Amino acid sequence: CRPAARGLAWGLSRVPRPLQRRPARHPATSRPCAPMPLSAAAPRKHIHTRLIECKGYLREDGLWDIEGHIRDSKTYPFHNEWRGHMEPGNPIHDMWIRVTVDNDFVVRAVETAMDGTPYSICPEVVPNFQRLVGEKIQGGWRRRVKELLGGVNGCTHLVELLGPVGTVAFQTIRPYLRYLVKQKLSAGEEDPTVRRPWQVNTCYGWSSERAVVQRYLPDH
């Protein structure tokens, strides 16, 4: 979880300090990583890293917090007019968003934080993200986010982050609610959640013509 010190009131943002120097977390030269499941790469030099992390939480009040974090960093030093000298690994973008939703995926609250931005005026857009309150995470979520916050109405990087935040909301809520139902079922009782095959035909693996649906949802 994020430290409590990061907590911000709705619609507010911590303004990054100019000339802020943070310890480099992603130097150009680092320890060897575990092999990727890709073919061997051509000789190359690491230049940029974008990290996106999303997590889902069930709150004690029954609501759900879906949090996203996006971080961009370079492997070389450069100058930023506002923040000054940027060491390798010092993130040029370091942004967070928390979307609180209910069991029906209706957005109940939104909170954002901009720990690192390339320009001093970036945090001024934070209040606009309150436009998401009352919206529902469902089909067309990305399109609706762009309608509300696209272009000059939002932050490109936070708008982009809201895509996987929506996906993680589905990955967090529906499977866990199904898990709780199954924990309460008596032996031999039908699982009602199987009768709501929302995922059928949402991707290649869940095509009604393929083995996954034929195996787990033969009636659909």
C-alpha atoms as a PDB file:
ATOM      1  CA  CYS A   1       0.000   0.000   0.000  1.00  0.00           C
ATOM      2  CA  ARG A   2       1.070   3.600  -0.416  1.00  0.00           C
ATOM      3  CA  PRO A   3       2.292   5.284   2.746  1.00  0.00           C
ATOM      4  CA  ALA A   4      -0.316   7.277   4.619  1.00  0.00           C
ATOM      5  CA  ALA A   5       1.671  10.431   3.984  1.00  0.00           C
ATOM      6  CA  ARG A   6       0.697  10.203   0.345  1.00  0.00           C
ATOM      7  CA  GLY A   7      -3.007  10.540   1.157  1.00  0.00           C
ATOM      8  CA  LEU A   8      -4.578  13.604  -0.450  1.00  0.00           C
ATOM      9  CA  ALA A   9      -8.008  15.184  -0.282  1.00  0.00           C
ATOM     10  CA  TRP A  10     -10.267  14.621  -3.262  1.00  0.00           C
ATOM     11  CA  GLY A  11      -9.338  16.895  -6.129  1.00  0.00           C
ATOM     12  CA  LEU A  12      -6.072  17.996  -4.577  1.00  0.00           C
ATOM     13  CA  SER A  13      -2.546  17.198  -5.609  1.00  0.00           C
ATOM     14  CA  ARG A  14       0.865  17.523  -4.084  1.00  0.00           C
ATOM     15  CA  VAL A  15       2.842  19.973  -6.242  1.00  0.00           C
ATOM     16  CA  PRO A  16       6.298  18.574  -7.053  1.00  0.00           C
ATOM     17  CA  ARG A  17       9.175  20.621  -5.748  1.00  0.00           C
ATOM     18  CA  PRO A  18      11.419  22.285  -8.336  1.00  0.00           C
ATOM     19  CA  LEU A  19      14.930  20.979  -8.614  1.00  0.00           C
ATOM     20  CA  GLN A  20      13.893  17.927  -6.662  1.00  0.00           C
ATOM     21  CA  ARG A  21      16.569  15.260  -6.730  1.00  0.00           C
ATOM     22  CA  ARG A  22      15.581  11.704  -5.970  1.00  0.00           C
ATOM     23  CA  PRO A  23      17.799   8.670  -5.709  1.00  0.00           C
ATOM     24  CA  ALA A  24      18.140   6.847  -8.988  1.00  0.00           C
ATOM     25  CA  ARG A  25      16.085   3.680  -8.965  1.00  0.00           C
ATOM     26  CA  HIS A  26      16.655   2.507 -12.503  1.00  0.00           C
ATOM     27  CA  PRO A  27      20.255   3.195 -13.518  1.00  0.00           C
ATOM     28  CA  ALA A  28      21.372   2.567 -17.062  1.00  0.00           C
ATOM     29  CA  THR A  29      23.554  -0.284 -15.902  1.00  0.00           C
ATOM     30  CA  SER A  30      21.932  -2.724 -13.503  1.00  0.00           C
ATOM     31  CA  ARG A  31      22.153  -6.329 -12.453  1.00  0.00           C
ATOM     32  CA  PRO A  32      21.126  -8.852 -15.101  1.00  0.00           C
ATOM     33  CA  CYS A  33      17.412  -9.521 -15.179  1.00  0.00           C
ATOM     34  CA  ALA A  34      15.755 -12.884 -15.476  1.00  0.00           C
ATOM     35  CA  PRO A  35      15.498 -13.996 -19.121  1.00  0.00           C
ATOM     36  CA  MET A  36      12.402 -12.782 -20.954  1.00  0.00           C
ATOM     37  CA  PRO A  37      10.251 -15.353 -22.767  1.00  0.00           C
ATOM     38  CA  LEU A  38      11.150 -13.626 -26.040  1.00  0.00           C
ATOM     39  CA  SER A  39      13.790 -14.428 -28.603  1.00  0.00           C
ATOM     40  CA  ALA A  40      17.289 -13.125 -27.979  1.00  0.00           C
ATOM     41  CA  ALA A  41      17.390  -9.381 -28.651  1.00  0.00           C
ATOM     42  CA  ALA A  42      19.734  -7.662 -31.069  1.00  0.00           C
ATOM     43  CA  PRO A  43      22.573  -5.714 -29.466  1.00  0.00           C
ATOM     44  CA  ARG A  44      20.951  -2.665 -27.929  1.00  0.00           C
ATOM     45  CA  LYS A  45      21.061   0.033 -25.263  1.00  0.00           C
ATOM     46  CA  HIS A  46      18.362   0.600 -22.655  1.00  0.00           C
ATOM     47  CA  ILE A  47      17.022   4.174 -22.983  1.00  0.00           C
ATOM     48  CA  HIS A  48      13.597   4.526 -21.359  1.00  0.00           C
ATOM     49  CA  THR A  49      11.423   2.696 -18.839  1.00  0.00           C
ATOM     50  CA  ARG A  50       7.702   3.071 -18.281  1.00  0.00           C
ATOM     51  CA  LEU A  51       6.330   1.204 -15.289  1.00  0.00           C
ATOM     52  CA  ILE A  52       2.599   0.782 -14.771  1.00  0.00           C
ATOM     53  CA  GLU A  53       1.262  -0.930 -11.674  1.00  0.00           C
ATOM     54  CA  CYS A  54      -2.384  -1.367 -10.700  1.00  0.00           C
ATOM     55  CA  LYS A  55      -3.788  -2.963  -7.565  1.00  0.00           C
ATOM     56  CA  GLY A  56      -7.299  -3.695  -6.329  1.00  0.00           C
ATOM     57  CA  TYR A  57      -8.416  -3.564  -2.703  1.00  0.00           C
ATOM     58  CA  LEU A  58     -11.613  -4.468  -0.853  1.00  0.00           C
ATOM     59  CA  ARG A  59     -12.350  -1.841   1.777  1.00  0.00           C
ATOM     60  CA  GLU A  60     -13.892  -2.538   5.164  1.00  0.00           C
ATOM     61  CA  ASP A  61     -16.930  -0.440   4.198  1.00  0.00           C
ATOM     62  CA  GLY A  62     -17.649  -2.760   1.248  1.00  0.00           C
ATOM     63  CA  LEU A  63     -16.373  -0.428  -1.459  1.00  0.00           C
ATOM     64  CA  TRP A  64     -13.368  -1.140  -3.674  1.00  0.00           C
ATOM     65  CA  ASP A  65     -10.229   0.906  -4.226  1.00  0.00           C
ATOM     66  CA  ILE A  66      -8.503   0.445  -7.568  1.00  0.00           C
ATOM     67  CA  GLU A  67      -5.132   2.189  -7.595  1.00  0.00           C
ATOM     68  CA  GLY A  68      -2.845   2.896 -10.518  1.00  0.00           C
ATOM     69  CA  HIS A  69       0.722   4.198 -10.646  1.00  0.00           C
ATOM     70  CA  ILE A  70       2.617   5.278 -13.766  1.00  0.00           C
ATOM     71  CA  ARG A  71       6.308   6.127 -13.811  1.00  0.00           C
ATOM     72  CA  ASP A  72       8.590   7.191 -16.688  1.00  0.00           C
ATOM     73  CA  SER A  73      12.356   7.417 -16.339  1.00  0.00           C
ATOM     74  CA  LYS A  74      15.418   7.710 -18.569  1.00  0.00           C
ATOM     75  CA  THR A  75      18.753   5.938 -18.325  1.00  0.00           C
ATOM     76  CA  TYR A  76      20.715   9.114 -19.068  1.00  0.00           C
ATOM     77  CA  PRO A  77      20.924  12.568 -17.407  1.00  0.00           C
ATOM     78  CA  PHE A  78      19.075  15.493 -18.942  1.00  0.00           C
ATOM     79  CA  HIS A  79      17.922  19.012 -18.098  1.00  0.00           C
ATOM     80  CA  ASN A  80      14.344  20.005 -17.371  1.00  0.00           C
ATOM     81  CA  GLU A  81      13.665  23.736 -17.419  1.00  0.00           C
ATOM     82  CA  TRP A  82      11.463  23.559 -14.345  1.00  0.00           C
ATOM     83  CA  ARG A  83      13.053  20.793 -12.286  1.00  0.00           C
ATOM     84  CA  GLY A  84      16.650  21.346 -13.322  1.00  0.00           C
ATOM     85  CA  HIS A  85      19.190  18.545 -13.692  1.00  0.00           C
ATOM     86  CA  MET A  86      17.572  15.097 -13.900  1.00  0.00           C
ATOM     87  CA  GLU A  87      19.704  12.139 -12.944  1.00  0.00           C
ATOM     88  CA  PRO A  88      19.168   8.736 -14.594  1.00  0.00           C
ATOM     89  CA  GLY A  89      16.222   7.028 -12.955  1.00  0.00           C
ATOM     90  CA  ASN A  90      14.672  10.237 -11.616  1.00  0.00           C
ATOM     91  CA  PRO A  91      11.114   9.958 -12.987  1.00  0.00           C
ATOM     92  CA  ILE A  92       9.903  12.663 -15.317  1.00  0.00           C
ATOM     93  CA  HIS A  93       6.375  11.303 -14.789  1.00  0.00           C
ATOM     94  CA  ASP A  94       5.406   9.847 -11.417  1.00  0.00           C
ATOM     95  CA  MET A  95       1.635   9.844 -11.027  1.00  0.00           C
ATOM     96  CA  TRP A  96      -1.012   8.001  -9.030  1.00  0.00           C
ATOM     97  CA  ILE A  97      -4.757   7.611  -9.192  1.00  0.00           C
ATOM     98  CA  ARG A  98      -7.236   5.902  -6.875  1.00  0.00           C
ATOM     99  CA  VAL A  99     -10.730   5.135  -8.130  1.00  0.00           C
ATOM    100  CA  THR A 100     -13.253   3.982  -5.545  1.00  0.00           C
ATOM    101  CA  VAL A 101     -16.164   1.943  -6.901  1.00  0.00           C
ATOM    102  CA  ASP A 102     -19.067  -0.096  -5.588  1.00  0.00           C
ATOM    103  CA  ASN A 103     -20.122  -3.632  -6.509  1.00  0.00           C
ATOM    104  CA  ASP A 104     -21.861  -2.271  -9.604  1.00  0.00           C
ATOM    105  CA  PHE A 105     -18.645  -0.571 -10.786  1.00  0.00           C
ATOM    106  CA  VAL A 106     -20.048   2.910 -10.259  1.00  0.00           C
ATOM    107  CA  VAL A 107     -17.293   5.397  -9.415  1.00  0.00           C
ATOM    108  CA  ARG A 108     -17.868   6.788  -5.946  1.00  0.00           C
ATOM    109  CA  ALA A 109     -14.656   8.795  -5.472  1.00  0.00           C
ATOM    110  CA  VAL A 110     -11.449   9.716  -7.285  1.00  0.00           C
ATOM    111  CA  GLU A 111      -8.100  10.820  -5.879  1.00  0.00           C
ATOM    112  CA  THR A 112      -4.950  11.714  -7.785  1.00  0.00           C
ATOM    113  CA  ALA A 113      -1.364  12.611  -6.934  1.00  0.00           C
ATOM    114  CA  MET A 114       1.395  13.947  -9.149  1.00  0.00           C
ATOM    115  CA  ASP A 115       4.748  13.308  -7.496  1.00  0.00           C
ATOM    116  CA  GLY A 116       6.685  14.032 -10.682  1.00  0.00           C
ATOM    117  CA  THR A 117       5.693  16.116 -13.706  1.00  0.00           C
ATOM    118  CA  PRO A 118       7.660  17.844 -16.474  1.00  0.00           C
ATOM    119  CA  TYR A 119       5.887  21.189 -16.012  1.00  0.00           C
ATOM    120  CA  SER A 120       4.791  23.166 -12.970  1.00  0.00           C
ATOM    121  CA  ILE A 121       1.262  23.675 -14.337  1.00  0.00           C
ATOM    122  CA  CYS A 122       0.472  19.960 -14.716  1.00  0.00           C
ATOM    123  CA  PRO A 123      -1.178  19.569 -11.263  1.00  0.00           C
ATOM    124  CA  GLU A 124      -3.689  22.291 -12.141  1.00  0.00           C
ATOM    125  CA  VAL A 125      -5.675  19.721 -14.119  1.00  0.00           C
ATOM    126  CA  VAL A 126      -6.209  17.421 -11.130  1.00  0.00           C
ATOM    127  CA  PRO A 127      -9.707  18.729 -10.172  1.00  0.00           C
ATOM    128  CA  ASN A 128     -11.035  17.733 -13.613  1.00  0.00           C
ATOM    129  CA  PHE A 129     -10.697  14.061 -12.691  1.00  0.00           C
ATOM    130  CA  GLN A 130     -13.663  14.471 -10.351  1.00  0.00           C
ATOM    131  CA  ARG A 131     -15.756  14.308 -13.532  1.00  0.00           C
ATOM    132  CA  LEU A 132     -15.423  10.536 -13.278  1.00  0.00           C
ATOM    133  CA  VAL A 133     -17.538  10.399 -10.107  1.00  0.00           C
ATOM    134  CA  GLY A 134     -20.881   8.823 -10.963  1.00  0.00           C
ATOM    135  CA  GLU A 135     -19.584   7.159 -14.123  1.00  0.00           C
ATOM    136  CA  LYS A 136     -19.657   3.372 -14.469  1.00  0.00           C
ATOM    137  CA  ILE A 137     -16.740   1.155 -15.428  1.00  0.00           C
ATOM    138  CA  GLN A 138     -18.203  -0.935 -18.231  1.00  0.00           C
ATOM    139  CA  GLY A 139     -17.909  -1.445 -21.971  1.00  0.00           C
ATOM    140  CA  GLY A 140     -16.806   1.841 -23.510  1.00  0.00           C
ATOM    141  CA  TRP A 141     -14.981   2.938 -20.357  1.00  0.00           C
ATOM    142  CA  ARG A 142     -11.883   4.176 -22.209  1.00  0.00           C
ATOM    143  CA  ARG A 143     -14.011   6.090 -24.692  1.00  0.00           C
ATOM    144  CA  ARG A 144     -15.974   7.749 -21.896  1.00  0.00           C
ATOM    145  CA  VAL A 145     -12.778   8.700 -20.063  1.00  0.00           C
ATOM    146  CA  LYS A 146     -11.488  10.394 -23.214  1.00  0.00           C
ATOM    147  CA  GLU A 147     -14.794  12.227 -23.669  1.00  0.00           C
ATOM    148  CA  LEU A 148     -14.513  13.662 -20.157  1.00  0.00           C
ATOM    149  CA  LEU A 149     -10.763  14.118 -19.838  1.00  0.00           C
ATOM    150  CA  GLY A 150      -9.238  13.935 -23.304  1.00  0.00           C
ATOM    151  CA  GLY A 151      -7.119  16.658 -24.862  1.00  0.00           C
ATOM    152  CA  VAL A 152      -6.739  19.877 -22.872  1.00  0.00           C
ATOM    153  CA  ASN A 153      -9.237  18.654 -20.258  1.00  0.00           C
ATOM    154  CA  GLY A 154      -6.915  16.097 -18.687  1.00  0.00           C
ATOM    155  CA  CYS A 155      -3.458  14.609 -18.333  1.00  0.00           C
ATOM    156  CA  THR A 156      -2.400  12.277 -21.138  1.00  0.00           C
ATOM    157  CA  HIS A 157      -0.652   9.897 -18.756  1.00  0.00           C
ATOM    158  CA  LEU A 158      -3.401   9.654 -16.137  1.00  0.00           C
ATOM    159  CA  VAL A 159      -5.999   9.208 -18.883  1.00  0.00           C
ATOM    160  CA  GLU A 160      -3.895   6.387 -20.293  1.00  0.00           C
ATOM    161  CA  LEU A 161      -3.558   4.865 -16.805  1.00  0.00           C
ATOM    162  CA  LEU A 162      -7.333   4.789 -16.367  1.00  0.00           C
ATOM    163  CA  GLY A 163      -7.548   2.112 -19.080  1.00  0.00           C
ATOM    164  CA  PRO A 164      -5.780  -0.612 -17.085  1.00  0.00           C
ATOM    165  CA  VAL A 165      -7.420   0.704 -13.904  1.00  0.00           C
ATOM    166  CA  GLY A 166     -10.765  -0.228 -15.437  1.00  0.00           C
ATOM    167  CA  THR A 167      -9.489  -3.675 -16.404  1.00  0.00           C
ATOM    168  CA  VAL A 168      -8.128  -4.264 -12.907  1.00  0.00           C
ATOM    169  CA  ALA A 169     -11.505  -3.301 -11.442  1.00  0.00           C
ATOM    170  CA  PHE A 170     -13.066  -6.230 -13.324  1.00  0.00           C
ATOM    171  CA  GLN A 171     -10.188  -8.547 -12.406  1.00  0.00           C
ATOM    172  CA  THR A 172     -10.544  -7.561  -8.745  1.00  0.00           C
ATOM    173  CA  ILE A 173     -14.267  -7.443  -8.085  1.00  0.00           C
ATOM    174  CA  ARG A 174     -16.046 -10.127 -10.078  1.00  0.00           C
ATOM    175  CA  PRO A 175     -13.681 -13.028  -9.356  1.00  0.00           C
ATOM    176  CA  TYR A 176     -13.592 -12.239  -5.652  1.00  0.00           C
ATOM    177  CA  LEU A 177     -17.369 -11.930  -5.355  1.00  0.00           C
ATOM    178  CA  ARG A 178     -17.633 -15.273  -7.122  1.00  0.00           C
ATOM    179  CA  TYR A 179     -15.057 -16.699  -4.714  1.00  0.00           C
ATOM    180  CA  LEU A 180     -17.089 -15.506  -1.711  1.00  0.00           C
ATOM    181  CA  VAL A 181     -20.262 -17.087  -3.113  1.00  0.00           C
ATOM    182  CA  LYS A 182     -18.515 -20.409  -3.605  1.00  0.00           C
ATOM    183  CA  GLN A 183     -17.241 -20.342  -0.047  1.00  0.00           C
ATOM    184  CA  LYS A 184     -20.843 -20.182   1.199  1.00  0.00           C
ATOM    185  CA  LEU A 185     -22.330 -22.828  -1.061  1.00  0.00           C
ATOM    186  CA  SER A 186     -23.350 -26.103   0.482  1.00  0.00           C
ATOM    187  CA  ALA A 187     -22.287 -29.305  -1.226  1.00  0.00           C
ATOM    188  CA  GLY A 188     -24.214 -29.921  -4.434  1.00  0.00           C
ATOM    189  CA  GLU A 189     -25.819 -26.493  -4.547  1.00  0.00           C
ATOM    190  CA  GLU A 190     -25.680 -24.710  -7.904  1.00  0.00           C
ATOM    191  CA  ASP A 191     -23.323 -21.769  -8.220  1.00  0.00           C
ATOM    192  CA  PRO A 192     -25.463 -18.841  -9.442  1.00  0.00           C
ATOM    193  CA  THR A 193     -22.435 -16.915 -10.676  1.00  0.00           C
ATOM    194  CA  VAL A 194     -21.888 -19.450 -13.465  1.00  0.00           C
ATOM    195  CA  ARG A 195     -25.211 -18.312 -14.941  1.00  0.00           C
ATOM    196  CA  ARG A 196     -23.811 -14.872 -15.703  1.00  0.00           C
ATOM    197  CA  PRO A 197     -21.168 -15.580 -18.383  1.00  0.00           C
ATOM    198  CA  TRP A 198     -20.258 -11.936 -18.975  1.00  0.00           C
ATOM    199  CA  GLN A 199     -16.846 -12.827 -20.381  1.00  0.00           C
ATOM    200  CA  VAL A 200     -18.088 -14.907 -23.333  1.00  0.00           C
ATOM    201  CA  ASN A 201     -16.889 -13.457 -26.656  1.00  0.00           C
ATOM    202  CA  THR A 202     -14.886 -10.681 -24.958  1.00  0.00           C
ATOM    203  CA  CYS A 203     -11.586 -12.023 -26.326  1.00  0.00           C
ATOM    204  CA  TYR A 204     -10.066 -14.866 -28.378  1.00  0.00           C
ATOM    205  CA  GLY A 205      -9.701 -17.204 -25.397  1.00  0.00           C
ATOM    206  CA  TRP A 206     -13.325 -16.692 -24.323  1.00  0.00           C
ATOM    207  CA  SER A 207     -14.827 -17.137 -27.787  1.00  0.00           C
ATOM    208  CA  SER A 208     -17.974 -19.261 -27.704  1.00  0.00           C
ATOM    209  CA  GLU A 209     -16.355 -21.315 -30.459  1.00  0.00           C
ATOM    210  CA  ARG A 210     -13.302 -22.300 -28.430  1.00  0.00           C
ATOM    211  CA  ALA A 211     -12.298 -24.779 -25.790  1.00  0.00           C
ATOM    212  CA  VAL A 212     -12.496 -22.567 -22.688  1.00  0.00           C
ATOM    213  CA  VAL A 213     -16.205 -21.788 -23.062  1.00  0.00           C
ATOM    214  CA  GLN A 214     -16.980 -25.324 -24.244  1.00  0.00           C
ATOM    215  CA  ARG A 215     -15.251 -26.680 -21.149  1.00  0.00           C
ATOM    216  CA  TYR A 216     -16.590 -24.318 -18.451  1.00  0.00           C
ATOM    217  CA  LEU A 217     -19.772 -22.876 -19.976  1.00  0.00           C
ATOM    218  CA  PRO A 218     -21.060 -25.544 -22.369  1.00  0.00           C
ATOM    219  CA  ASP A 219     -24.551 -24.047 -22.404  1.00  0.00           C
ATOM    220  CA  HIS A 220     -23.281 -20.746 -23.774  1.00  0.00           C
END
